[in-house]
Protein backbone atom coordinates (compact mmCIF):
# COMPACT_ATOMS: atom_id res chain seq x y z
CA MET A 1 35.62 -38.67 -16.47
CA THR A 2 38.58 -40.91 -16.89
CA GLU A 3 40.34 -42.51 -13.93
CA ALA A 4 43.26 -40.08 -14.28
CA GLN A 5 40.92 -37.09 -14.31
CA LEU A 6 39.15 -38.38 -11.20
CA ARG A 7 42.48 -38.75 -9.37
CA MET A 8 43.60 -35.28 -10.45
CA THR A 9 40.31 -33.75 -9.30
CA GLY A 10 40.54 -35.61 -5.99
CA ARG A 11 44.07 -34.32 -5.38
CA TRP A 12 43.02 -30.78 -6.28
CA ARG A 13 40.03 -30.88 -3.93
CA TRP A 14 42.10 -32.42 -1.14
CA ARG A 15 44.74 -29.70 -1.48
CA LEU A 16 42.04 -27.06 -0.89
CA SER A 17 40.50 -28.83 2.11
CA THR A 18 40.84 -27.71 5.73
CA SER A 19 42.42 -31.04 6.69
CA ALA A 20 45.12 -30.68 4.04
CA GLY A 21 45.94 -27.19 5.29
CA GLN A 22 46.17 -28.40 8.88
CA LEU A 23 48.46 -31.26 7.88
CA ALA A 24 50.67 -28.93 5.85
CA ARG A 25 51.03 -26.55 8.82
CA ALA A 26 51.76 -29.45 11.19
CA GLU A 27 54.39 -30.80 8.80
CA GLU A 28 56.05 -27.39 8.52
CA LYS A 29 56.12 -27.07 12.32
CA GLN A 30 57.75 -30.52 12.64
CA ARG A 31 60.33 -29.62 9.99
CA GLU A 32 61.21 -26.43 11.89
CA LEU A 33 61.51 -28.33 15.19
CA ALA A 34 63.75 -30.93 13.53
CA ARG A 35 65.93 -28.18 12.04
CA LEU A 36 66.27 -26.50 15.45
CA TYR A 37 67.12 -29.81 17.12
CA LEU A 38 69.84 -30.58 14.56
CA GLU A 39 71.30 -27.09 14.88
CA PHE A 40 71.36 -27.43 18.67
CA ALA A 41 72.98 -30.88 18.47
CA ASP A 42 75.63 -29.46 16.13
CA PHE A 43 76.19 -26.54 18.52
CA ARG A 44 76.63 -28.94 21.46
CA ARG A 45 79.06 -31.09 19.45
CA LEU A 46 81.15 -28.07 18.48
CA ALA A 47 81.08 -26.65 22.01
CA ALA A 48 82.15 -30.00 23.50
CA SER A 49 85.05 -30.29 21.06
CA GLN A 50 86.36 -26.91 22.21
CA LEU A 51 86.38 -27.75 25.93
CA PRO A 52 89.66 -28.71 27.61
CA GLU A 53 90.13 -32.50 27.96
CA GLN A 54 89.75 -32.50 31.76
CA THR A 55 86.42 -30.66 31.55
CA ARG A 56 85.16 -33.07 28.88
CA ARG A 57 85.93 -36.08 31.06
CA HIS A 58 84.12 -34.51 34.01
CA SER A 59 81.03 -33.66 31.94
CA ARG A 60 80.67 -37.28 30.74
CA ARG A 61 80.15 -38.55 34.29
CA ARG A 62 76.84 -36.70 34.66
């Protein structure tokens, strides 16, 4: 086998391994958590921009 064939076979075998599957699921979970966090941060930013000025000043003191 050539070096390129060995690398390709190694990648193929890794992709089918239990560890690769676990890492792929963990990565997907982290991506989903990051997406939710960014959506929540955007929601908070939009909600804060719609509050009256006096309420915004009061909420910053906390």
